[in-house]
Structures are given as C-alpha cells and as structure tokens.
Amino acid sequence: MKGCIFITMQDSAYGFTLAGFQQVIAEKESVLEVFEKIVATSVPGLVFIDERLLGDTILSRLQVLEKQWGGAIISLPAPGKSGEISGIDYGKRFISRVLGYQMKLS
C-alpha cells in the first residue's frame, strides 16, 4: 500500500511484507534513524511503529519529526503472546489520531 510503512522488530520480519505492505526492520536504538530516512524520502503518509520500539525519549522526538513531516505515526500493538486482548481499542485511537475526532465503531 502506497504511503503506508510498518516499522517492526526482527521477530515480526516479513509479516506485513507478505500482506503487501512496505515493512522496515529496526532495533530500539535505530528506530529514530529509520524514521528520519522515511521522512526524508517519502511524502506524508502513515507510519506504523511497533510499540516495543517506543520509549519516552524516542516517542517525544518522533512527535517533533512527525509535525515537521506532515504524516502520522501510529503505535502498532505488540504481538500477543497468548492471544490475549489488551483492552485498548487501537482502531478508535487510530481514527481519532488521523481524522482528529472521535467516532463510534460498531
């Protein structure tokens, strides 16, 4: 899908690529560098980042870069270990973040 990139850890390698999405593998230490390369080489779009790669300092820097870039960063929930549901509705959070308002999904 054009304009949509997934940044994940090595243990999720090829999952999104097999589904037809652009996927980049990163480590926690290199996620900022990976995102900066994406910002420099692509038009605004959506970048999904594995939440395991996001620490507080990384997240605050990403938010600054996101505003300069004009696209949107979405936190991708970590793969479940036993299929448990976390209680966080990522769909609602995504729509609220990208569209700027709350919607009721049914």
PDB file of N, CA and C in Angstrom:
ATOM      1  N   MET A   1       0.853  -1.170   0.000  1.00  0.00           N
ATOM      2  CA  MET A   1       0.000   0.000   0.000  1.00  0.00           C
ATOM      3  C   MET A   1       0.899   1.234   0.000  1.00  0.00           C
ATOM      4  N   LYS A   2       0.650   2.116  -0.907  1.00  0.00           N
ATOM      5  CA  LYS A   2       1.460   3.313  -1.053  1.00  0.00           C
ATOM      6  C   LYS A   2       1.212   4.275   0.109  1.00  0.00           C
ATOM      7  N   GLY A   3       2.285   4.854   0.640  1.00  0.00           N
ATOM      8  CA  GLY A   3       2.160   5.831   1.715  1.00  0.00           C
ATOM      9  C   GLY A   3       1.947   5.229   3.082  1.00  0.00           C
ATOM     10  N   CYS A   4       2.105   3.908   3.209  1.00  0.00           N
ATOM     11  CA  CYS A   4       1.882   3.226   4.482  1.00  0.00           C
ATOM     12  C   CYS A   4       3.079   2.314   4.739  1.00  0.00           C
ATOM     13  N   ILE A   5       3.808   2.575   5.821  1.00  0.00           N
ATOM     14  CA  ILE A   5       5.017   1.823   6.127  1.00  0.00           C
ATOM     15  C   ILE A   5       4.920   1.292   7.559  1.00  0.00           C
ATOM     16  N   PHE A   6       5.374   0.061   7.753  1.00  0.00           N
ATOM     17  CA  PHE A   6       5.405  -0.552   9.070  1.00  0.00           C
ATOM     18  C   PHE A   6       6.850  -0.692   9.512  1.00  0.00           C
ATOM     19  N   ILE A   7       7.156  -0.196  10.721  1.00  0.00           N
ATOM     20  CA  ILE A   7       8.471  -0.373  11.318  1.00  0.00           C
ATOM     21  C   ILE A   7       8.283  -1.357  12.467  1.00  0.00           C
ATOM     22  N   THR A   8       8.925  -2.516  12.343  1.00  0.00           N
ATOM     23  CA  THR A   8       8.753  -3.566  13.347  1.00  0.00           C
ATOM     24  C   THR A   8      10.105  -4.091  13.807  1.00  0.00           C
ATOM     25  N   MET A   9      10.061  -4.953  14.802  1.00  0.00           N
ATOM     26  CA  MET A   9      11.254  -5.626  15.289  1.00  0.00           C
ATOM     27  C   MET A   9      11.518  -6.868  14.439  1.00  0.00           C
ATOM     28  N   GLN A  10      12.684  -7.448  14.594  1.00  0.00           N
ATOM     29  CA  GLN A  10      13.096  -8.598  13.803  1.00  0.00           C
ATOM     30  C   GLN A  10      12.137  -9.778  13.945  1.00  0.00           C
ATOM     31  N   ASP A  11      11.544  -9.963  15.121  1.00  0.00           N
ATOM     32  CA  ASP A  11      10.659 -11.121  15.315  1.00  0.00           C
ATOM     33  C   ASP A  11       9.367 -11.020  14.511  1.00  0.00           C
ATOM     34  N   SER A  12       9.109  -9.874  13.928  1.00  0.00           N
ATOM     35  CA  SER A  12       7.923  -9.696  13.079  1.00  0.00           C
ATOM     36  C   SER A  12       8.307  -9.564  11.608  1.00  0.00           C
ATOM     37  N   ALA A  13       9.532  -9.974  11.285  1.00  0.00           N
ATOM     38  CA  ALA A  13      10.034  -9.841   9.912  1.00  0.00           C
ATOM     39  C   ALA A  13       9.119 -10.546   8.921  1.00  0.00           C
ATOM     40  N   TYR A  14       8.850  -9.877   7.836  1.00  0.00           N
ATOM     41  CA  TYR A  14       8.098 -10.382   6.688  1.00  0.00           C
ATOM     42  C   TYR A  14       6.593 -10.463   6.893  1.00  0.00           C
ATOM     43  N   GLY A  15       6.094 -10.295   8.078  1.00  0.00           N
ATOM     44  CA  GLY A  15       4.645 -10.389   8.294  1.00  0.00           C
ATOM     45  C   GLY A  15       3.856  -9.402   7.458  1.00  0.00           C
ATOM     46  N   PHE A  16       4.214  -8.138   7.506  1.00  0.00           N
ATOM     47  CA  PHE A  16       3.492  -7.117   6.750  1.00  0.00           C
ATOM     48  C   PHE A  16       3.891  -7.129   5.282  1.00  0.00           C
ATOM     49  N   THR A  17       5.140  -7.479   5.014  1.00  0.00           N
ATOM     50  CA  THR A  17       5.597  -7.578   3.631  1.00  0.00           C
ATOM     51  C   THR A  17       4.801  -8.637   2.881  1.00  0.00           C
ATOM     52  N   LEU A  18       4.550  -9.765   3.526  1.00  0.00           N
ATOM     53  CA  LEU A  18       3.770 -10.835   2.898  1.00  0.00           C
ATOM     54  C   LEU A  18       2.337 -10.388   2.594  1.00  0.00           C
ATOM     55  N   ALA A  19       1.849  -9.435   3.370  1.00  0.00           N
ATOM     56  CA  ALA A  19       0.496  -8.913   3.145  1.00  0.00           C
ATOM     57  C   ALA A  19       0.484  -7.783   2.115  1.00  0.00           C
ATOM     58  N   GLY A  20       1.651  -7.428   1.562  1.00  0.00           N
ATOM     59  CA  GLY A  20       1.713  -6.411   0.523  1.00  0.00           C
ATOM     60  C   GLY A  20       2.075  -5.021   1.006  1.00  0.00           C
ATOM     61  N   PHE A  21       2.460  -4.879   2.264  1.00  0.00           N
ATOM     62  CA  PHE A  21       2.832  -3.585   2.814  1.00  0.00           C
ATOM     63  C   PHE A  21       4.344  -3.420   2.806  1.00  0.00           C
ATOM     64  N   GLN A  22       4.792  -2.177   2.858  1.00  0.00           N
ATOM     65  CA  GLN A  22       6.217  -1.913   2.994  1.00  0.00           C
ATOM     66  C   GLN A  22       6.572  -2.046   4.471  1.00  0.00           C
ATOM     67  N   GLN A  23       7.594  -2.833   4.765  1.00  0.00           N
ATOM     68  CA  GLN A  23       7.993  -3.079   6.142  1.00  0.00           C
ATOM     69  C   GLN A  23       9.478  -2.872   6.292  1.00  0.00           C
ATOM     70  N   VAL A  24       9.877  -2.207   7.383  1.00  0.00           N
ATOM     71  CA  VAL A  24      11.279  -1.970   7.692  1.00  0.00           C
ATOM     72  C   VAL A  24      11.546  -2.563   9.068  1.00  0.00           C
ATOM     73  N   ILE A  25      12.637  -3.320   9.184  1.00  0.00           N
ATOM     74  CA  ILE A  25      13.024  -3.902  10.464  1.00  0.00           C
ATOM     75  C   ILE A  25      13.963  -2.932  11.168  1.00  0.00           C
ATOM     76  N   ALA A  26      13.724  -2.704  12.472  1.00  0.00           N
ATOM     77  CA  ALA A  26      14.561  -1.783  13.238  1.00  0.00           C
ATOM     78  C   ALA A  26      14.767  -2.312  14.652  1.00  0.00           C
ATOM     79  N   GLU A  27      15.798  -1.802  15.277  1.00  0.00           N
ATOM     80  CA  GLU A  27      16.060  -2.054  16.690  1.00  0.00           C
ATOM     81  C   GLU A  27      15.687  -0.787  17.450  1.00  0.00           C
ATOM     82  N   LYS A  28      15.521  -0.915  18.745  1.00  0.00           N
ATOM     83  CA  LYS A  28      15.149   0.241  19.557  1.00  0.00           C
ATOM     84  C   LYS A  28      16.161   1.380  19.399  1.00  0.00           C
ATOM     85  N   GLU A  29      17.432   1.029  19.248  1.00  0.00           N
ATOM     86  CA  GLU A  29      18.489   2.036  19.122  1.00  0.00           C
ATOM     87  C   GLU A  29      18.469   2.746  17.767  1.00  0.00           C
ATOM     88  N   SER A  30      17.879   2.116  16.748  1.00  0.00           N
ATOM     89  CA  SER A  30      17.938   2.691  15.402  1.00  0.00           C
ATOM     90  C   SER A  30      16.602   3.197  14.872  1.00  0.00           C
ATOM     91  N   VAL A  31      15.538   3.132  15.653  1.00  0.00           N
ATOM     92  CA  VAL A  31      14.211   3.494  15.140  1.00  0.00           C
ATOM     93  C   VAL A  31      14.138   4.961  14.717  1.00  0.00           C
ATOM     94  N   LEU A  32      14.816   5.847  15.444  1.00  0.00           N
ATOM     95  CA  LEU A  32      14.809   7.268  15.052  1.00  0.00           C
ATOM     96  C   LEU A  32      15.494   7.460  13.708  1.00  0.00           C
ATOM     97  N   GLU A  33      16.611   6.811  13.509  1.00  0.00           N
ATOM     98  CA  GLU A  33      17.336   6.907  12.236  1.00  0.00           C
ATOM     99  C   GLU A  33      16.497   6.359  11.083  1.00  0.00           C
ATOM    100  N   VAL A  34      15.828   5.246  11.314  1.00  0.00           N
ATOM    101  CA  VAL A  34      14.955   4.647  10.296  1.00  0.00           C
ATOM    102  C   VAL A  34      13.818   5.607   9.950  1.00  0.00           C
ATOM    103  N   PHE A  35      13.186   6.184  10.966  1.00  0.00           N
ATOM    104  CA  PHE A  35      12.080   7.110  10.710  1.00  0.00           C
ATOM    105  C   PHE A  35      12.563   8.361   9.974  1.00  0.00           C
ATOM    106  N   GLU A  36      13.737   8.882  10.355  1.00  0.00           N
ATOM    107  CA  GLU A  36      14.273  10.063   9.674  1.00  0.00           C
ATOM    108  C   GLU A  36      14.512   9.786   8.187  1.00  0.00           C
ATOM    109  N   LYS A  37      14.965   8.584   7.849  1.00  0.00           N
ATOM    110  CA  LYS A  37      15.154   8.226   6.439  1.00  0.00           C
ATOM    111  C   LYS A  37      13.818   8.183   5.706  1.00  0.00           C
ATOM    112  N   ILE A  38      12.794   7.665   6.367  1.00  0.00           N
ATOM    113  CA  ILE A  38      11.455   7.611   5.765  1.00  0.00           C
ATOM    114  C   ILE A  38      10.939   9.023   5.506  1.00  0.00           C
ATOM    115  N   VAL A  39      11.095   9.890   6.491  1.00  0.00           N
ATOM    116  CA  VAL A  39      10.639  11.280   6.367  1.00  0.00           C
ATOM    117  C   VAL A  39      11.363  11.986   5.227  1.00  0.00           C
ATOM    118  N   ALA A  40      12.654  11.725   5.093  1.00  0.00           N
ATOM    119  CA  ALA A  40      13.451  12.395   4.065  1.00  0.00           C
ATOM    120  C   ALA A  40      13.141  11.909   2.652  1.00  0.00           C
ATOM    121  N   THR A  41      12.626  10.698   2.519  1.00  0.00           N
ATOM    122  CA  THR A  41      12.458  10.122   1.185  1.00  0.00           C
ATOM    123  C   THR A  41      11.016   9.871   0.771  1.00  0.00           C
ATOM    124  N   SER A  42      10.054  10.233   1.604  1.00  0.00           N
ATOM    125  CA  SER A  42       8.668   9.939   1.223  1.00  0.00           C
ATOM    126  C   SER A  42       7.739  11.113   1.523  1.00  0.00           C
ATOM    127  N   VAL A  43       6.635  11.120   0.809  1.00  0.00           N
ATOM    128  CA  VAL A  43       5.600  12.126   1.043  1.00  0.00           C
ATOM    129  C   VAL A  43       4.844  11.748   2.310  1.00  0.00           C
ATOM    130  N   PRO A  44       4.104  12.685   2.906  1.00  0.00           N
ATOM    131  CA  PRO A  44       3.345  12.345   4.097  1.00  0.00           C
ATOM    132  C   PRO A  44       2.431  11.140   3.870  1.00  0.00           C
ATOM    133  N   GLY A  45       2.345  10.339   4.871  1.00  0.00           N
ATOM    134  CA  GLY A  45       1.518   9.139   4.836  1.00  0.00           C
ATOM    135  C   GLY A  45       1.357   8.609   6.246  1.00  0.00           C
ATOM    136  N   LEU A  46       1.288   7.300   6.382  1.00  0.00           N
ATOM    137  CA  LEU A  46       1.144   6.672   7.688  1.00  0.00           C
ATOM    138  C   LEU A  46       2.353   5.788   7.961  1.00  0.00           C
ATOM    139  N   VAL A  47       2.903   5.921   9.155  1.00  0.00           N
ATOM    140  CA  VAL A  47       3.977   5.047   9.593  1.00  0.00           C
ATOM    141  C   VAL A  47       3.514   4.371  10.874  1.00  0.00           C
ATOM    142  N   PHE A  48       3.412   3.055  10.821  1.00  0.00           N
ATOM    143  CA  PHE A  48       3.043   2.258  11.983  1.00  0.00           C
ATOM    144  C   PHE A  48       4.330   1.761  12.623  1.00  0.00           C
ATOM    145  N   ILE A  49       4.515   2.026  13.925  1.00  0.00           N
ATOM    146  CA  ILE A  49       5.734   1.627  14.621  1.00  0.00           C
ATOM    147  C   ILE A  49       5.362   0.691  15.767  1.00  0.00           C
ATOM    148  N   ASP A  50       6.025  -0.455  15.803  1.00  0.00           N
ATOM    149  CA  ASP A  50       5.839  -1.434  16.870  1.00  0.00           C
ATOM    150  C   ASP A  50       6.044  -0.738  18.209  1.00  0.00           C
ATOM    151  N   GLU A  51       5.068  -0.847  19.099  1.00  0.00           N
ATOM    152  CA  GLU A  51       5.136  -0.130  20.367  1.00  0.00           C
ATOM    153  C   GLU A  51       6.320  -0.551  21.230  1.00  0.00           C
ATOM    154  N   ARG A  52       6.890  -1.712  20.976  1.00  0.00           N
ATOM    155  CA  ARG A  52       8.063  -2.159  21.735  1.00  0.00           C
ATOM    156  C   ARG A  52       9.304  -1.335  21.400  1.00  0.00           C
ATOM    157  N   LEU A  53       9.270  -0.610  20.279  1.00  0.00           N
ATOM    158  CA  LEU A  53      10.387   0.236  19.864  1.00  0.00           C
ATOM    159  C   LEU A  53      10.290   1.652  20.433  1.00  0.00           C
ATOM    160  N   LEU A  54       9.179   1.962  21.085  1.00  0.00           N
ATOM    161  CA  LEU A  54       8.916   3.334  21.509  1.00  0.00           C
ATOM    162  C   LEU A  54       9.128   3.529  23.006  1.00  0.00           C
ATOM    163  N   GLY A  55      10.228   4.193  23.353  1.00  0.00           N
ATOM    164  CA  GLY A  55      10.453   4.634  24.722  1.00  0.00           C
ATOM    165  C   GLY A  55       9.997   6.088  24.834  1.00  0.00           C
ATOM    166  N   ASP A  56      10.022   6.628  26.032  1.00  0.00           N
ATOM    167  CA  ASP A  56       9.563   8.009  26.229  1.00  0.00           C
ATOM    168  C   ASP A  56      10.387   9.024  25.443  1.00  0.00           C
ATOM    169  N   THR A  57      11.707   8.904  25.474  1.00  0.00           N
ATOM    170  CA  THR A  57      12.538   9.876  24.763  1.00  0.00           C
ATOM    171  C   THR A  57      12.394   9.709  23.253  1.00  0.00           C
ATOM    172  N   ILE A  58      12.293   8.470  22.801  1.00  0.00           N
ATOM    173  CA  ILE A  58      12.114   8.218  21.368  1.00  0.00           C
ATOM    174  C   ILE A  58      10.772   8.770  20.914  1.00  0.00           C
ATOM    175  N   LEU A  59       9.733   8.528  21.689  1.00  0.00           N
ATOM    176  CA  LEU A  59       8.392   8.988  21.337  1.00  0.00           C
ATOM    177  C   LEU A  59       8.326  10.507  21.242  1.00  0.00           C
ATOM    178  N   SER A  60       8.948  11.210  22.175  1.00  0.00           N
ATOM    179  CA  SER A  60       8.905  12.677  22.124  1.00  0.00           C
ATOM    180  C   SER A  60       9.639  13.206  20.896  1.00  0.00           C
ATOM    181  N   ARG A  61      10.755  12.603  20.534  1.00  0.00           N
ATOM    182  CA  ARG A  61      11.483  13.022  19.324  1.00  0.00           C
ATOM    183  C   ARG A  61      10.694  12.699  18.055  1.00  0.00           C
ATOM    184  N   LEU A  62      10.044  11.533  18.034  1.00  0.00           N
ATOM    185  CA  LEU A  62       9.222  11.157  16.884  1.00  0.00           C
ATOM    186  C   LEU A  62       8.069  12.133  16.680  1.00  0.00           C
ATOM    187  N   GLN A  63       7.483  12.612  17.773  1.00  0.00           N
ATOM    188  CA  GLN A  63       6.374  13.555  17.671  1.00  0.00           C
ATOM    189  C   GLN A  63       6.828  14.866  17.030  1.00  0.00           C
ATOM    190  N   VAL A  64       8.032  15.320  17.347  1.00  0.00           N
ATOM    191  CA  VAL A  64       8.577  16.537  16.731  1.00  0.00           C
ATOM    192  C   VAL A  64       8.793  16.302  15.239  1.00  0.00           C
ATOM    193  N   LEU A  65       9.407  15.173  14.892  1.00  0.00           N
ATOM    194  CA  LEU A  65       9.648  14.847  13.485  1.00  0.00           C
ATOM    195  C   LEU A  65       8.338  14.689  12.718  1.00  0.00           C
ATOM    196  N   GLU A  66       7.335  14.107  13.366  1.00  0.00           N
ATOM    197  CA  GLU A  66       6.022  13.903  12.732  1.00  0.00           C
ATOM    198  C   GLU A  66       5.389  15.229  12.331  1.00  0.00           C
ATOM    199  N   LYS A  67       5.480  16.231  13.195  1.00  0.00           N
ATOM    200  CA  LYS A  67       4.894  17.545  12.893  1.00  0.00           C
ATOM    201  C   LYS A  67       5.594  18.203  11.705  1.00  0.00           C
ATOM    202  N   GLN A  68       6.898  18.054  11.625  1.00  0.00           N
ATOM    203  CA  GLN A  68       7.655  18.630  10.511  1.00  0.00           C
ATOM    204  C   GLN A  68       7.347  17.906   9.206  1.00  0.00           C
ATOM    205  N   TRP A  69       7.100  16.625   9.281  1.00  0.00           N
ATOM    206  CA  TRP A  69       6.877  15.780   8.108  1.00  0.00           C
ATOM    207  C   TRP A  69       5.479  15.943   7.543  1.00  0.00           C
ATOM    208  N   GLY A  70       4.459  16.002   8.390  1.00  0.00           N
ATOM    209  CA  GLY A  70       3.090  16.167   7.928  1.00  0.00           C
ATOM    210  C   GLY A  70       2.292  14.883   7.836  1.00  0.00           C
ATOM    211  N   GLY A  71       2.936  13.747   8.060  1.00  0.00           N
ATOM    212  CA  GLY A  71       2.226  12.466   8.068  1.00  0.00           C
ATOM    213  C   GLY A  71       1.780  12.124   9.474  1.00  0.00           C
ATOM    214  N   ALA A  72       1.463  10.865   9.693  1.00  0.00           N
ATOM    215  CA  ALA A  72       1.010  10.429  11.013  1.00  0.00           C
ATOM    216  C   ALA A  72       1.736   9.164  11.430  1.00  0.00           C
ATOM    217  N   ILE A  73       2.115   9.117  12.710  1.00  0.00           N
ATOM    218  CA  ILE A  73       2.716   7.939  13.303  1.00  0.00           C
ATOM    219  C   ILE A  73       1.653   7.250  14.146  1.00  0.00           C
ATOM    220  N   ILE A  74       1.521   5.959  13.955  1.00  0.00           N
ATOM    221  CA  ILE A  74       0.557   5.173  14.718  1.00  0.00           C
ATOM    222  C   ILE A  74       1.315   4.084  15.457  1.00  0.00           C
ATOM    223  N   SER A  75       1.046   3.954  16.751  1.00  0.00           N
ATOM    224  CA  SER A  75       1.662   2.905  17.553  1.00  0.00           C
ATOM    225  C   SER A  75       0.994   1.570  17.240  1.00  0.00           C
ATOM    226  N   LEU A  76       1.796   0.598  16.853  1.00  0.00           N
ATOM    227  CA  LEU A  76       1.309  -0.727  16.494  1.00  0.00           C
ATOM    228  C   LEU A  76       1.422  -1.620  17.724  1.00  0.00           C
ATOM    229  N   PRO A  77       0.323  -2.232  18.164  1.00  0.00           N
ATOM    230  CA  PRO A  77       0.394  -3.067  19.371  1.00  0.00           C
ATOM    231  C   PRO A  77       1.351  -4.245  19.160  1.00  0.00           C
ATOM    232  N   ALA A  78       2.065  -4.580  20.216  1.00  0.00           N
ATOM    233  CA  ALA A  78       2.991  -5.707  20.157  1.00  0.00           C
ATOM    234  C   ALA A  78       2.211  -6.994  19.934  1.00  0.00           C
ATOM    235  N   PRO A  79       2.830  -7.924  19.220  1.00  0.00           N
ATOM    236  CA  PRO A  79       2.143  -9.202  19.011  1.00  0.00           C
ATOM    237  C   PRO A  79       1.822  -9.859  20.352  1.00  0.00           C
ATOM    238  N   GLY A  80       0.593 -10.378  20.490  1.00  0.00           N
ATOM    239  CA  GLY A  80       0.180 -11.026  21.731  1.00  0.00           C
ATOM    240  C   GLY A  80       0.901 -12.340  21.940  1.00  0.00           C
ATOM    241  N   LYS A  81       1.202 -12.644  23.194  1.00  0.00           N
ATOM    242  CA  LYS A  81       1.920 -13.877  23.487  1.00  0.00           C
ATOM    243  C   LYS A  81       0.987 -15.076  23.522  1.00  0.00           C
ATOM    244  N   SER A  82      -0.250 -14.846  23.960  1.00  0.00           N
ATOM    245  CA  SER A  82      -1.179 -15.975  24.027  1.00  0.00           C
ATOM    246  C   SER A  82      -2.549 -15.597  23.492  1.00  0.00           C
ATOM    247  N   GLY A  83      -2.591 -14.570  22.658  1.00  0.00           N
ATOM    248  CA  GLY A  83      -3.845 -14.164  22.056  1.00  0.00           C
ATOM    249  C   GLY A  83      -4.722 -13.316  22.968  1.00  0.00           C
ATOM    250  N   GLU A  84      -4.174 -12.839  24.086  1.00  0.00           N
ATOM    251  CA  GLU A  84      -4.982 -12.027  24.984  1.00  0.00           C
ATOM    252  C   GLU A  84      -5.278 -10.667  24.367  1.00  0.00           C
ATOM    253  N   ILE A  85      -6.397 -10.107  24.721  1.00  0.00           N
ATOM    254  CA  ILE A  85      -6.801  -8.787  24.236  1.00  0.00           C
ATOM    255  C   ILE A  85      -6.462  -7.781  25.319  1.00  0.00           C
ATOM    256  N   SER A  86      -5.801  -6.705  24.936  1.00  0.00           N
ATOM    257  CA  SER A  86      -5.272  -5.752  25.909  1.00  0.00           C
ATOM    258  C   SER A  86      -6.317  -4.796  26.467  1.00  0.00           C
ATOM    259  N   GLY A  87      -7.445  -4.648  25.828  1.00  0.00           N
ATOM    260  CA  GLY A  87      -8.448  -3.704  26.297  1.00  0.00           C
ATOM    261  C   GLY A  87      -8.320  -2.335  25.653  1.00  0.00           C
ATOM    262  N   ILE A  88      -7.223  -2.059  24.973  1.00  0.00           N
ATOM    263  CA  ILE A  88      -7.034  -0.790  24.269  1.00  0.00           C
ATOM    264  C   ILE A  88      -7.623  -0.950  22.881  1.00  0.00           C
ATOM    265  N   ASP A  89      -8.467  -0.021  22.490  1.00  0.00           N
ATOM    266  CA  ASP A  89      -9.070  -0.090  21.162  1.00  0.00           C
ATOM    267  C   ASP A  89      -8.203   0.698  20.191  1.00  0.00           C
ATOM    268  N   TYR A  90      -7.299   0.005  19.515  1.00  0.00           N
ATOM    269  CA  TYR A  90      -6.366   0.656  18.602  1.00  0.00           C
ATOM    270  C   TYR A  90      -7.075   1.247  17.390  1.00  0.00           C
ATOM    271  N   GLY A  91      -8.180   0.644  16.971  1.00  0.00           N
ATOM    272  CA  GLY A  91      -8.940   1.182  15.842  1.00  0.00           C
ATOM    273  C   GLY A  91      -9.492   2.563  16.150  1.00  0.00           C
ATOM    274  N   LYS A  92     -10.115   2.719  17.292  1.00  0.00           N
ATOM    275  CA  LYS A  92     -10.651   4.027  17.692  1.00  0.00           C
ATOM    276  C   LYS A  92      -9.535   5.040  17.873  1.00  0.00           C
ATOM    277  N   ARG A  93      -8.442   4.610  18.495  1.00  0.00           N
ATOM    278  CA  ARG A  93      -7.324   5.521  18.717  1.00  0.00           C
ATOM    279  C   ARG A  93      -6.727   5.969  17.388  1.00  0.00           C
ATOM    280  N   PHE A  94      -6.639   5.067  16.428  1.00  0.00           N
ATOM    281  CA  PHE A  94      -6.115   5.386  15.104  1.00  0.00           C
ATOM    282  C   PHE A  94      -6.995   6.416  14.393  1.00  0.00           C
ATOM    283  N   ILE A  95      -8.299   6.182  14.353  1.00  0.00           N
ATOM    284  CA  ILE A  95      -9.220   7.095  13.678  1.00  0.00           C
ATOM    285  C   ILE A  95      -9.213   8.459  14.352  1.00  0.00           C
ATOM    286  N   SER A  96      -9.203   8.467  15.676  1.00  0.00           N
ATOM    287  CA  SER A  96      -9.168   9.723  16.408  1.00  0.00           C
ATOM    288  C   SER A  96      -7.897  10.504  16.086  1.00  0.00           C
ATOM    289  N   ARG A  97      -6.786   9.811  16.021  1.00  0.00           N
ATOM    290  CA  ARG A  97      -5.495  10.453  15.774  1.00  0.00           C
ATOM    291  C   ARG A  97      -5.392  10.990  14.345  1.00  0.00           C
ATOM    292  N   VAL A  98      -5.803  10.207  13.365  1.00  0.00           N
ATOM    293  CA  VAL A  98      -5.642  10.598  11.973  1.00  0.00           C
ATOM    294  C   VAL A  98      -6.701  11.593  11.543  1.00  0.00           C
ATOM    295  N   LEU A  99      -7.957  11.352  11.915  1.00  0.00           N
ATOM    296  CA  LEU A  99      -9.032  12.223  11.467  1.00  0.00           C
ATOM    297  C   LEU A  99      -9.262  13.406  12.415  1.00  0.00           C
ATOM    298  N   GLY A 100      -8.807  13.298  13.639  1.00  0.00           N
ATOM    299  CA  GLY A 100      -8.911  14.412  14.572  1.00  0.00           C
ATOM    300  C   GLY A 100     -10.198  14.468  15.358  1.00  0.00           C
ATOM    301  N   TYR A 101     -10.992  13.414  15.310  1.00  0.00           N
ATOM    302  CA  TYR A 101     -12.197  13.394  16.138  1.00  0.00           C
ATOM    303  C   TYR A 101     -12.602  11.972  16.466  1.00  0.00           C
ATOM    304  N   GLN A 102     -13.465  11.830  17.460  1.00  0.00           N
ATOM    305  CA  GLN A 102     -13.919  10.516  17.904  1.00  0.00           C
ATOM    306  C   GLN A 102     -15.046  10.004  17.017  1.00  0.00           C
ATOM    307  N   MET A 103     -15.027   8.721  16.758  1.00  0.00           N
ATOM    308  CA  MET A 103     -16.110   8.086  16.001  1.00  0.00           C
ATOM    309  C   MET A 103     -16.523   6.819  16.734  1.00  0.00           C
ATOM    310  N   LYS A 104     -17.778   6.490  16.666  1.00  0.00           N
ATOM    311  CA  LYS A 104     -18.238   5.245  17.268  1.00  0.00           C
ATOM    312  C   LYS A 104     -18.166   4.152  16.206  1.00  0.00           C
ATOM    313  N   LEU A 105     -17.395   3.103  16.496  1.00  0.00           N
ATOM    314  CA  LEU A 105     -17.258   1.977  15.581  1.00  0.00           C
ATOM    315  C   LEU A 105     -18.112   0.828  16.077  1.00  0.00           C
ATOM    316  N   SER A 106     -18.838   0.222  15.173  1.00  0.00           N
ATOM    317  CA  SER A 106     -19.625  -0.935  15.580  1.00  0.00           C
ATOM    318  C   SER A 106     -19.360  -2.103  14.673  1.00  0.00           C
TER     319      SER A 106
END
